[in-house]
Amino acid sequence: MQFLLTMTDDAGEPDAAMYTRMGAFIDELTRAGGLVATGGLDAGTRISTTGGELTVTDGPFTETKEAIVSFALVEVGSREEAIELTRRFHGIVGGGESMMYQVFGPATG
């Protein structure tokens, strides 16, 4: 099962110790084969079509505190395992808010 885990910008300022702990966590997940991808996101671009007209609008679209600033795509055995990884992540960054989405598609069965 794959899950997309996102983090909003509520965790506060990172310090060197947090980066060290996060690096170890990412390394652990990578070695275990559970981390598919991780990264940050920009403010986004909304693309819509109405009546055959394409409209492109640059973000941000939400309040800054609600902006998604990072994500991880993980391969796990269950929803509960994805929640546990998120709990560990929050323990490293010291708080914040995450969203979790199960990913469906050809590669996920």
C-alpha atoms as a PDB file:
ATOM      1  CA  MET A   1       0.000   0.000   0.000  1.00  0.00           C
ATOM      2  CA  GLN A   2       1.233   3.476  -0.788  1.00  0.00           C
ATOM      3  CA  PHE A   3       0.398   6.587   1.196  1.00  0.00           C
ATOM      4  CA  LEU A   4       1.179  10.221   0.481  1.00  0.00           C
ATOM      5  CA  LEU A   5       1.958  11.995   3.748  1.00  0.00           C
ATOM      6  CA  THR A   6       1.993  15.789   3.700  1.00  0.00           C
ATOM      7  CA  MET A   7       3.133  18.302   6.304  1.00  0.00           C
ATOM      8  CA  THR A   8       1.938  21.869   6.724  1.00  0.00           C
ATOM      9  CA  ASP A   9       4.177  24.686   7.923  1.00  0.00           C
ATOM     10  CA  ASP A  10       3.169  24.574  11.595  1.00  0.00           C
ATOM     11  CA  ALA A  11       6.199  22.865  13.113  1.00  0.00           C
ATOM     12  CA  GLY A  12       8.325  25.927  13.763  1.00  0.00           C
ATOM     13  CA  GLU A  13      11.948  26.629  12.893  1.00  0.00           C
ATOM     14  CA  PRO A  14      14.148  23.565  12.333  1.00  0.00           C
ATOM     15  CA  ASP A  15      17.532  23.321  14.032  1.00  0.00           C
ATOM     16  CA  ALA A  16      20.654  21.249  13.339  1.00  0.00           C
ATOM     17  CA  ALA A  17      19.590  18.480  15.741  1.00  0.00           C
ATOM     18  CA  MET A  18      16.235  18.116  13.982  1.00  0.00           C
ATOM     19  CA  TYR A  19      17.978  17.819  10.595  1.00  0.00           C
ATOM     20  CA  THR A  20      20.247  15.095  12.032  1.00  0.00           C
ATOM     21  CA  ARG A  21      17.309  13.112  13.444  1.00  0.00           C
ATOM     22  CA  MET A  22      15.344  13.564  10.201  1.00  0.00           C
ATOM     23  CA  GLY A  23      18.316  12.381   8.133  1.00  0.00           C
ATOM     24  CA  ALA A  24      18.581   9.219  10.234  1.00  0.00           C
ATOM     25  CA  PHE A  25      14.814   8.605   9.918  1.00  0.00           C
ATOM     26  CA  ILE A  26      14.902   9.057   6.126  1.00  0.00           C
ATOM     27  CA  ASP A  27      17.945   6.768   5.884  1.00  0.00           C
ATOM     28  CA  GLU A  28      16.153   4.094   7.940  1.00  0.00           C
ATOM     29  CA  LEU A  29      13.048   4.233   5.732  1.00  0.00           C
ATOM     30  CA  THR A  30      15.156   4.181   2.558  1.00  0.00           C
ATOM     31  CA  ARG A  31      17.185   1.146   3.684  1.00  0.00           C
ATOM     32  CA  ALA A  32      13.961  -0.670   4.618  1.00  0.00           C
ATOM     33  CA  GLY A  33      12.555   0.010   1.138  1.00  0.00           C
ATOM     34  CA  GLY A  34       9.568   1.942   2.467  1.00  0.00           C
ATOM     35  CA  LEU A  35      10.418   5.419   1.223  1.00  0.00           C
ATOM     36  CA  VAL A  36       9.393   5.928  -2.409  1.00  0.00           C
ATOM     37  CA  ALA A  37       9.941   9.709  -2.607  1.00  0.00           C
ATOM     38  CA  THR A  38      10.255  12.757  -0.409  1.00  0.00           C
ATOM     39  CA  GLY A  39      10.525  16.463  -1.077  1.00  0.00           C
ATOM     40  CA  GLY A  40       9.188  19.944  -0.721  1.00  0.00           C
ATOM     41  CA  LEU A  41       6.485  21.753  -2.646  1.00  0.00           C
ATOM     42  CA  ASP A  42       6.158  25.293  -3.930  1.00  0.00           C
ATOM     43  CA  ALA A  43       3.014  27.412  -3.624  1.00  0.00           C
ATOM     44  CA  GLY A  44       1.387  25.592  -6.548  1.00  0.00           C
ATOM     45  CA  THR A  45      -0.348  26.531  -9.771  1.00  0.00           C
ATOM     46  CA  ARG A  46      -4.068  26.026 -10.366  1.00  0.00           C
ATOM     47  CA  ILE A  47      -4.995  25.004 -13.914  1.00  0.00           C
ATOM     48  CA  SER A  48      -8.660  24.896 -14.877  1.00  0.00           C
ATOM     49  CA  THR A  49     -10.725  24.645 -18.037  1.00  0.00           C
ATOM     50  CA  THR A  50     -14.136  26.248 -18.490  1.00  0.00           C
ATOM     51  CA  GLY A  51     -15.858  26.448 -21.853  1.00  0.00           C
ATOM     52  CA  GLY A  52     -12.703  25.334 -23.631  1.00  0.00           C
ATOM     53  CA  GLU A  53     -10.606  28.133 -22.079  1.00  0.00           C
ATOM     54  CA  LEU A  54      -7.555  27.163 -20.036  1.00  0.00           C
ATOM     55  CA  THR A  55      -6.831  29.367 -17.028  1.00  0.00           C
ATOM     56  CA  VAL A  56      -3.504  29.210 -15.158  1.00  0.00           C
ATOM     57  CA  THR A  57      -3.308  30.893 -11.728  1.00  0.00           C
ATOM     58  CA  ASP A  58      -0.208  30.884  -9.541  1.00  0.00           C
ATOM     59  CA  GLY A  59      -0.606  30.218  -5.806  1.00  0.00           C
ATOM     60  CA  PRO A  60      -0.536  30.316  -2.906  1.00  0.00           C
ATOM     61  CA  PHE A  61      -4.219  29.574  -2.449  1.00  0.00           C
ATOM     62  CA  THR A  62      -4.451  28.799   1.275  1.00  0.00           C
ATOM     63  CA  GLU A  63      -3.365  30.600   4.372  1.00  0.00           C
ATOM     64  CA  THR A  64       0.408  30.317   4.763  1.00  0.00           C
ATOM     65  CA  LYS A  65       0.035  28.223   7.914  1.00  0.00           C
ATOM     66  CA  GLU A  66      -1.960  25.677   5.872  1.00  0.00           C
ATOM     67  CA  ALA A  67       0.482  25.469   2.945  1.00  0.00           C
ATOM     68  CA  ILE A  68       1.936  22.029   2.301  1.00  0.00           C
ATOM     69  CA  VAL A  69       5.691  22.384   2.603  1.00  0.00           C
ATOM     70  CA  SER A  70       6.865  18.786   2.409  1.00  0.00           C
ATOM     71  CA  PHE A  71       5.704  15.331   1.470  1.00  0.00           C
ATOM     72  CA  ALA A  72       6.720  11.689   1.661  1.00  0.00           C
ATOM     73  CA  LEU A  73       5.417   8.869  -0.497  1.00  0.00           C
ATOM     74  CA  VAL A  74       5.777   5.639   1.460  1.00  0.00           C
ATOM     75  CA  GLU A  75       5.222   1.962   0.738  1.00  0.00           C
ATOM     76  CA  VAL A  76       3.856   0.212   3.826  1.00  0.00           C
ATOM     77  CA  GLY A  77       1.849  -2.865   4.749  1.00  0.00           C
ATOM     78  CA  SER A  78      -1.103  -1.068   6.300  1.00  0.00           C
ATOM     79  CA  ARG A  79      -2.775   2.238   7.101  1.00  0.00           C
ATOM     80  CA  GLU A  80      -1.721   1.789  10.719  1.00  0.00           C
ATOM     81  CA  GLU A  81       1.933   1.546   9.660  1.00  0.00           C
ATOM     82  CA  ALA A  82       1.601   4.828   7.727  1.00  0.00           C
ATOM     83  CA  ILE A  83       0.104   6.467  10.825  1.00  0.00           C
ATOM     84  CA  GLU A  84       2.997   5.161  12.934  1.00  0.00           C
ATOM     85  CA  LEU A  85       5.538   6.637  10.495  1.00  0.00           C
ATOM     86  CA  THR A  86       3.695   9.957  10.712  1.00  0.00           C
ATOM     87  CA  ARG A  87       3.750   9.774  14.527  1.00  0.00           C
ATOM     88  CA  ARG A  88       7.521   9.253  14.413  1.00  0.00           C
ATOM     89  CA  PHE A  89       7.924  12.127  11.947  1.00  0.00           C
ATOM     90  CA  HIS A  90       5.957  14.457  14.254  1.00  0.00           C
ATOM     91  CA  GLY A  91       8.193  13.354  17.127  1.00  0.00           C
ATOM     92  CA  ILE A  92      11.190  14.573  15.156  1.00  0.00           C
ATOM     93  CA  VAL A  93       9.785  17.910  13.956  1.00  0.00           C
ATOM     94  CA  GLY A  94       8.057  18.649  17.260  1.00  0.00           C
ATOM     95  CA  GLY A  95       4.477  19.076  16.074  1.00  0.00           C
ATOM     96  CA  GLY A  96       2.540  20.428  13.163  1.00  0.00           C
ATOM     97  CA  GLU A  97      -0.245  18.985  11.094  1.00  0.00           C
ATOM     98  CA  SER A  98      -0.145  16.280   8.449  1.00  0.00           C
ATOM     99  CA  MET A  99      -2.568  14.807   5.967  1.00  0.00           C
ATOM    100  CA  MET A 100      -2.436  11.221   4.796  1.00  0.00           C
ATOM    101  CA  TYR A 101      -3.820   9.989   1.470  1.00  0.00           C
ATOM    102  CA  GLN A 102      -3.843   6.413   0.240  1.00  0.00           C
ATOM    103  CA  VAL A 103      -2.513   6.262  -3.319  1.00  0.00           C
ATOM    104  CA  PHE A 104      -4.273   4.050  -5.874  1.00  0.00           C
ATOM    105  CA  GLY A 105      -3.107   3.288  -9.384  1.00  0.00           C
ATOM    106  CA  PRO A 106      -1.597   0.674 -11.678  1.00  0.00           C
ATOM    107  CA  ALA A 107       1.553   0.326  -9.592  1.00  0.00           C
ATOM    108  CA  THR A 108      -0.412  -0.060  -6.350  1.00  0.00           C
ATOM    109  CA  GLY A 109      -2.771  -2.808  -7.513  1.00  0.00           C
END
